[in-house]
C-alpha atoms as a PDB file:
ATOM      1  CA  MET A   1      -2.454  28.046   9.097  1.00  0.00           C
ATOM      2  CA  SER A   2      -4.556  28.373   5.960  1.00  0.00           C
ATOM      3  CA  ARG A   3      -5.404  25.191   4.114  1.00  0.00           C
ATOM      4  CA  GLU A   4      -5.916  25.228   0.398  1.00  0.00           C
ATOM      5  CA  LYS A   5      -9.196  23.806  -0.870  1.00  0.00           C
ATOM      6  CA  ARG A   6      -9.287  22.399  -4.402  1.00  0.00           C
ATOM      7  CA  ILE A   7     -12.166  21.387  -6.626  1.00  0.00           C
ATOM      8  CA  PRO A   8     -11.866  18.107  -8.563  1.00  0.00           C
ATOM      9  CA  GLY A   9     -11.577  18.622 -12.309  1.00  0.00           C
ATOM     10  CA  PRO A  10      -9.827  17.335 -15.423  1.00  0.00           C
ATOM     11  CA  ASP A  11      -6.395  17.720 -13.829  1.00  0.00           C
ATOM     12  CA  HIS A  12      -7.456  15.771 -10.694  1.00  0.00           C
ATOM     13  CA  PRO A  13     -10.730  13.875 -11.294  1.00  0.00           C
ATOM     14  CA  ILE A  14     -12.682  12.411  -8.389  1.00  0.00           C
ATOM     15  CA  GLU A  15     -15.852  10.372  -8.702  1.00  0.00           C
ATOM     16  CA  VAL A  16     -17.989   8.863  -5.932  1.00  0.00           C
ATOM     17  CA  VAL A  17     -20.545   6.236  -6.972  1.00  0.00           C
ATOM     18  CA  GLU A  18     -22.955   4.020  -5.055  1.00  0.00           C
ATOM     19  CA  ASN A  19     -21.793   0.426  -4.902  1.00  0.00           C
ATOM     20  CA  SER A  20     -24.471  -2.233  -4.339  1.00  0.00           C
ATOM     21  CA  ARG A  21     -21.992  -5.133  -4.453  1.00  0.00           C
ATOM     22  CA  LEU A  22     -21.356  -7.094  -1.268  1.00  0.00           C
ATOM     23  CA  ILE A  23     -18.198  -5.614   0.246  1.00  0.00           C
ATOM     24  CA  ARG A  24     -16.499  -7.592   3.028  1.00  0.00           C
ATOM     25  CA  VAL A  25     -13.573  -6.418   5.131  1.00  0.00           C
ATOM     26  CA  VAL A  26     -11.628  -9.130   6.988  1.00  0.00           C
ATOM     27  CA  ALA A  27      -8.562  -8.667   9.196  1.00  0.00           C
ATOM     28  CA  ARG A  28      -5.390 -10.052   7.615  1.00  0.00           C
ATOM     29  CA  ASP A  29      -4.338 -10.927  11.157  1.00  0.00           C
ATOM     30  CA  GLY A  30      -6.734 -13.611  12.421  1.00  0.00           C
ATOM     31  CA  GLY A  31      -9.369 -13.462   9.678  1.00  0.00           C
ATOM     32  CA  ARG A  32     -12.086 -11.768  11.740  1.00  0.00           C
ATOM     33  CA  LEU A  33     -14.933 -10.136   9.832  1.00  0.00           C
ATOM     34  CA  ILE A  34     -14.743  -6.381  10.437  1.00  0.00           C
ATOM     35  CA  ALA A  35     -17.379  -5.068   8.040  1.00  0.00           C
ATOM     36  CA  GLU A  36     -19.956  -6.292   5.561  1.00  0.00           C
ATOM     37  CA  THR A  37     -22.217  -4.093   3.466  1.00  0.00           C
ATOM     38  CA  THR A  38     -24.176  -3.638   0.265  1.00  0.00           C
ATOM     39  CA  SER A  39     -24.315   0.130   0.888  1.00  0.00           C
ATOM     40  CA  ALA A  40     -20.746   1.227   0.170  1.00  0.00           C
ATOM     41  CA  VAL A  41     -19.731   4.063  -2.084  1.00  0.00           C
ATOM     42  CA  THR A  42     -16.595   3.768  -4.184  1.00  0.00           C
ATOM     43  CA  LEU A  43     -14.336   6.767  -4.651  1.00  0.00           C
ATOM     44  CA  THR A  44     -11.966   6.924  -7.594  1.00  0.00           C
ATOM     45  CA  GLU A  45      -9.408   9.709  -7.534  1.00  0.00           C
ATOM     46  CA  ALA A  46      -6.904  10.631 -10.230  1.00  0.00           C
ATOM     47  CA  GLY A  47      -4.358   7.784 -10.536  1.00  0.00           C
ATOM     48  CA  TYR A  48      -5.056   6.190  -7.143  1.00  0.00           C
ATOM     49  CA  PRO A  49      -6.709   2.777  -6.655  1.00  0.00           C
ATOM     50  CA  PRO A  50     -10.482   2.899  -5.963  1.00  0.00           C
ATOM     51  CA  VAL A  51     -11.446   3.130  -2.275  1.00  0.00           C
ATOM     52  CA  HIS A  52     -14.616   1.646  -0.783  1.00  0.00           C
ATOM     53  CA  TYR A  53     -16.179   3.831   1.902  1.00  0.00           C
ATOM     54  CA  ILE A  54     -18.394   1.708   4.149  1.00  0.00           C
ATOM     55  CA  PRO A  55     -21.195   2.988   6.399  1.00  0.00           C
ATOM     56  CA  LEU A  56     -19.944   3.040   9.977  1.00  0.00           C
ATOM     57  CA  ALA A  57     -23.145   1.223  10.986  1.00  0.00           C
ATOM     58  CA  ASP A  58     -21.975  -1.792   8.916  1.00  0.00           C
ATOM     59  CA  VAL A  59     -18.625  -2.033  10.757  1.00  0.00           C
ATOM     60  CA  ASP A  60     -17.965  -3.966  13.976  1.00  0.00           C
ATOM     61  CA  GLN A  61     -17.304  -0.821  15.983  1.00  0.00           C
ATOM     62  CA  THR A  62     -16.071  -2.808  18.994  1.00  0.00           C
ATOM     63  CA  LEU A  63     -12.852  -3.271  16.997  1.00  0.00           C
ATOM     64  CA  LEU A  64     -12.329   0.465  16.467  1.00  0.00           C
ATOM     65  CA  GLU A  65     -10.838   3.076  18.758  1.00  0.00           C
ATOM     66  CA  ARG A  66     -10.587   6.688  17.676  1.00  0.00           C
ATOM     67  CA  THR A  67      -7.048   8.080  17.596  1.00  0.00           C
ATOM     68  CA  GLU A  68      -5.779  11.652  17.788  1.00  0.00           C
ATOM     69  CA  SER A  69      -4.403  11.571  14.228  1.00  0.00           C
ATOM     70  CA  HIS A  70      -5.596  13.903  11.488  1.00  0.00           C
ATOM     71  CA  THR A  71      -4.484  14.533   7.935  1.00  0.00           C
ATOM     72  CA  TYR A  72      -5.669  16.973   5.304  1.00  0.00           C
ATOM     73  CA  CYS A  73      -6.572  16.470   1.672  1.00  0.00           C
ATOM     74  CA  PRO A  74      -7.249  19.632  -0.349  1.00  0.00           C
ATOM     75  CA  TYR A  75      -9.914  17.737  -2.337  1.00  0.00           C
ATOM     76  CA  LYS A  76     -11.730  15.947   0.495  1.00  0.00           C
ATOM     77  CA  GLY A  77     -11.031  17.844   3.726  1.00  0.00           C
ATOM     78  CA  GLU A  78      -9.718  16.773   7.113  1.00  0.00           C
ATOM     79  CA  ALA A  79      -9.476  13.048   7.788  1.00  0.00           C
ATOM     80  CA  SER A  80      -9.677  11.490  11.230  1.00  0.00           C
ATOM     81  CA  TYR A  81      -8.601   7.970  12.161  1.00  0.00           C
ATOM     82  CA  TYR A  82      -9.465   4.838  14.096  1.00  0.00           C
ATOM     83  CA  GLY A  83      -7.122   2.197  15.392  1.00  0.00           C
ATOM     84  CA  LEU A  84      -8.158  -1.377  14.580  1.00  0.00           C
ATOM     85  CA  THR A  85      -7.920  -4.253  17.043  1.00  0.00           C
ATOM     86  CA  THR A  86      -7.161  -7.593  15.352  1.00  0.00           C
ATOM     87  CA  ALA A  87      -6.608 -11.053  16.813  1.00  0.00           C
ATOM     88  CA  GLU A  88      -2.984 -10.337  17.700  1.00  0.00           C
ATOM     89  CA  LYS A  89      -2.506  -6.577  17.886  1.00  0.00           C
ATOM     90  CA  LYS A  90      -3.880  -3.082  17.723  1.00  0.00           C
ATOM     91  CA  ILE A  91      -3.065  -1.234  14.515  1.00  0.00           C
ATOM     92  CA  GLU A  92      -2.933   2.538  14.898  1.00  0.00           C
ATOM     93  CA  ASP A  93      -4.626   4.618  12.210  1.00  0.00           C
ATOM     94  CA  ALA A  94      -5.770   1.634  10.125  1.00  0.00           C
ATOM     95  CA  VAL A  95      -9.136   3.232   9.289  1.00  0.00           C
ATOM     96  CA  TRP A  96      -9.869   6.759   8.127  1.00  0.00           C
ATOM     97  CA  PHE A  97     -12.969   8.887   7.711  1.00  0.00           C
ATOM     98  CA  TYR A  98     -14.065  12.428   6.911  1.00  0.00           C
ATOM     99  CA  GLU A  99     -16.585  13.841   9.386  1.00  0.00           C
ATOM    100  CA  GLU A 100     -17.243  16.886   7.219  1.00  0.00           C
ATOM    101  CA  PRO A 101     -15.991  16.127   3.713  1.00  0.00           C
ATOM    102  CA  PHE A 102     -16.015  18.821   1.065  1.00  0.00           C
ATOM    103  CA  GLU A 103     -19.173  19.066  -1.040  1.00  0.00           C
ATOM    104  CA  ALA A 104     -17.664  17.337  -4.102  1.00  0.00           C
ATOM    105  CA  VAL A 105     -17.239  14.131  -2.052  1.00  0.00           C
ATOM    106  CA  GLY A 106     -20.097  14.612   0.402  1.00  0.00           C
ATOM    107  CA  ALA A 107     -21.304  11.024  -0.127  1.00  0.00           C
ATOM    108  CA  ILE A 108     -18.375   9.697   1.970  1.00  0.00           C
ATOM    109  CA  ALA A 109     -19.704  11.356   5.147  1.00  0.00           C
ATOM    110  CA  GLY A 110     -20.640   8.783   7.808  1.00  0.00           C
ATOM    111  CA  ARG A 111     -18.451   6.169   6.135  1.00  0.00           C
ATOM    112  CA  VAL A 112     -15.019   4.718   6.803  1.00  0.00           C
ATOM    113  CA  ALA A 113     -12.229   3.320   4.630  1.00  0.00           C
ATOM    114  CA  PHE A 114      -9.554   0.769   5.464  1.00  0.00           C
ATOM    115  CA  TYR A 115      -5.865   0.606   4.588  1.00  0.00           C
ATOM    116  CA  PRO A 116      -5.587  -2.589   2.492  1.00  0.00           C
ATOM    117  CA  GLU A 117      -2.271  -3.633   4.036  1.00  0.00           C
ATOM    118  CA  HIS A 118      -4.178  -4.427   7.252  1.00  0.00           C
ATOM    119  CA  VAL A 119      -7.338  -6.008   5.850  1.00  0.00           C
ATOM    120  CA  GLU A 120      -8.566  -8.045   2.931  1.00  0.00           C
ATOM    121  CA  ILE A 121     -11.360  -6.305   1.057  1.00  0.00           C
ATOM    122  CA  THR A 122     -13.528  -8.404  -1.248  1.00  0.00           C
ATOM    123  CA  SER A 123     -16.316  -7.348  -3.584  1.00  0.00           C
ATOM    124  CA  GLU A 124     -18.859  -9.698  -5.093  1.00  0.00           C
ATOM    125  CA  ALA A 125     -22.104  -9.426  -6.984  1.00  0.00           C
ATOM    126  CA  VAL A 126     -25.286  -9.796  -4.989  1.00  0.00           C
ATOM    127  CA  ALA A 127     -27.762 -12.383  -6.292  1.00  0.00           C
ATOM    128  CA  ASN A 128     -31.166 -10.980  -7.149  1.00  0.00           C
END
């Protein structure tokens, strides 16, 4: 099956910018810290809410388990998923990532994003 590849443009803008703010990801279930970084990138896409992509190295990887799920975005490429273990349960496909994102969004490689219904994501300025 052929998959269409699209380039971001005026009809579907995508921007990826470095984000030096302190980004924290905490499980809604149990309040455990999952990730903390000052090295995120933030992706804004068309009319969607901004998404913080966090370096995998800044995530507690003991809470993640790769799943077999995959989805496809014509602007970003093929996404893979992790399940997330919280205090009370395991949430399938709560975290996504692009191993080989398309060139226009290449900065998200090696980073993961979290579905906000499962975690609380905060962003705060870092004191100099």
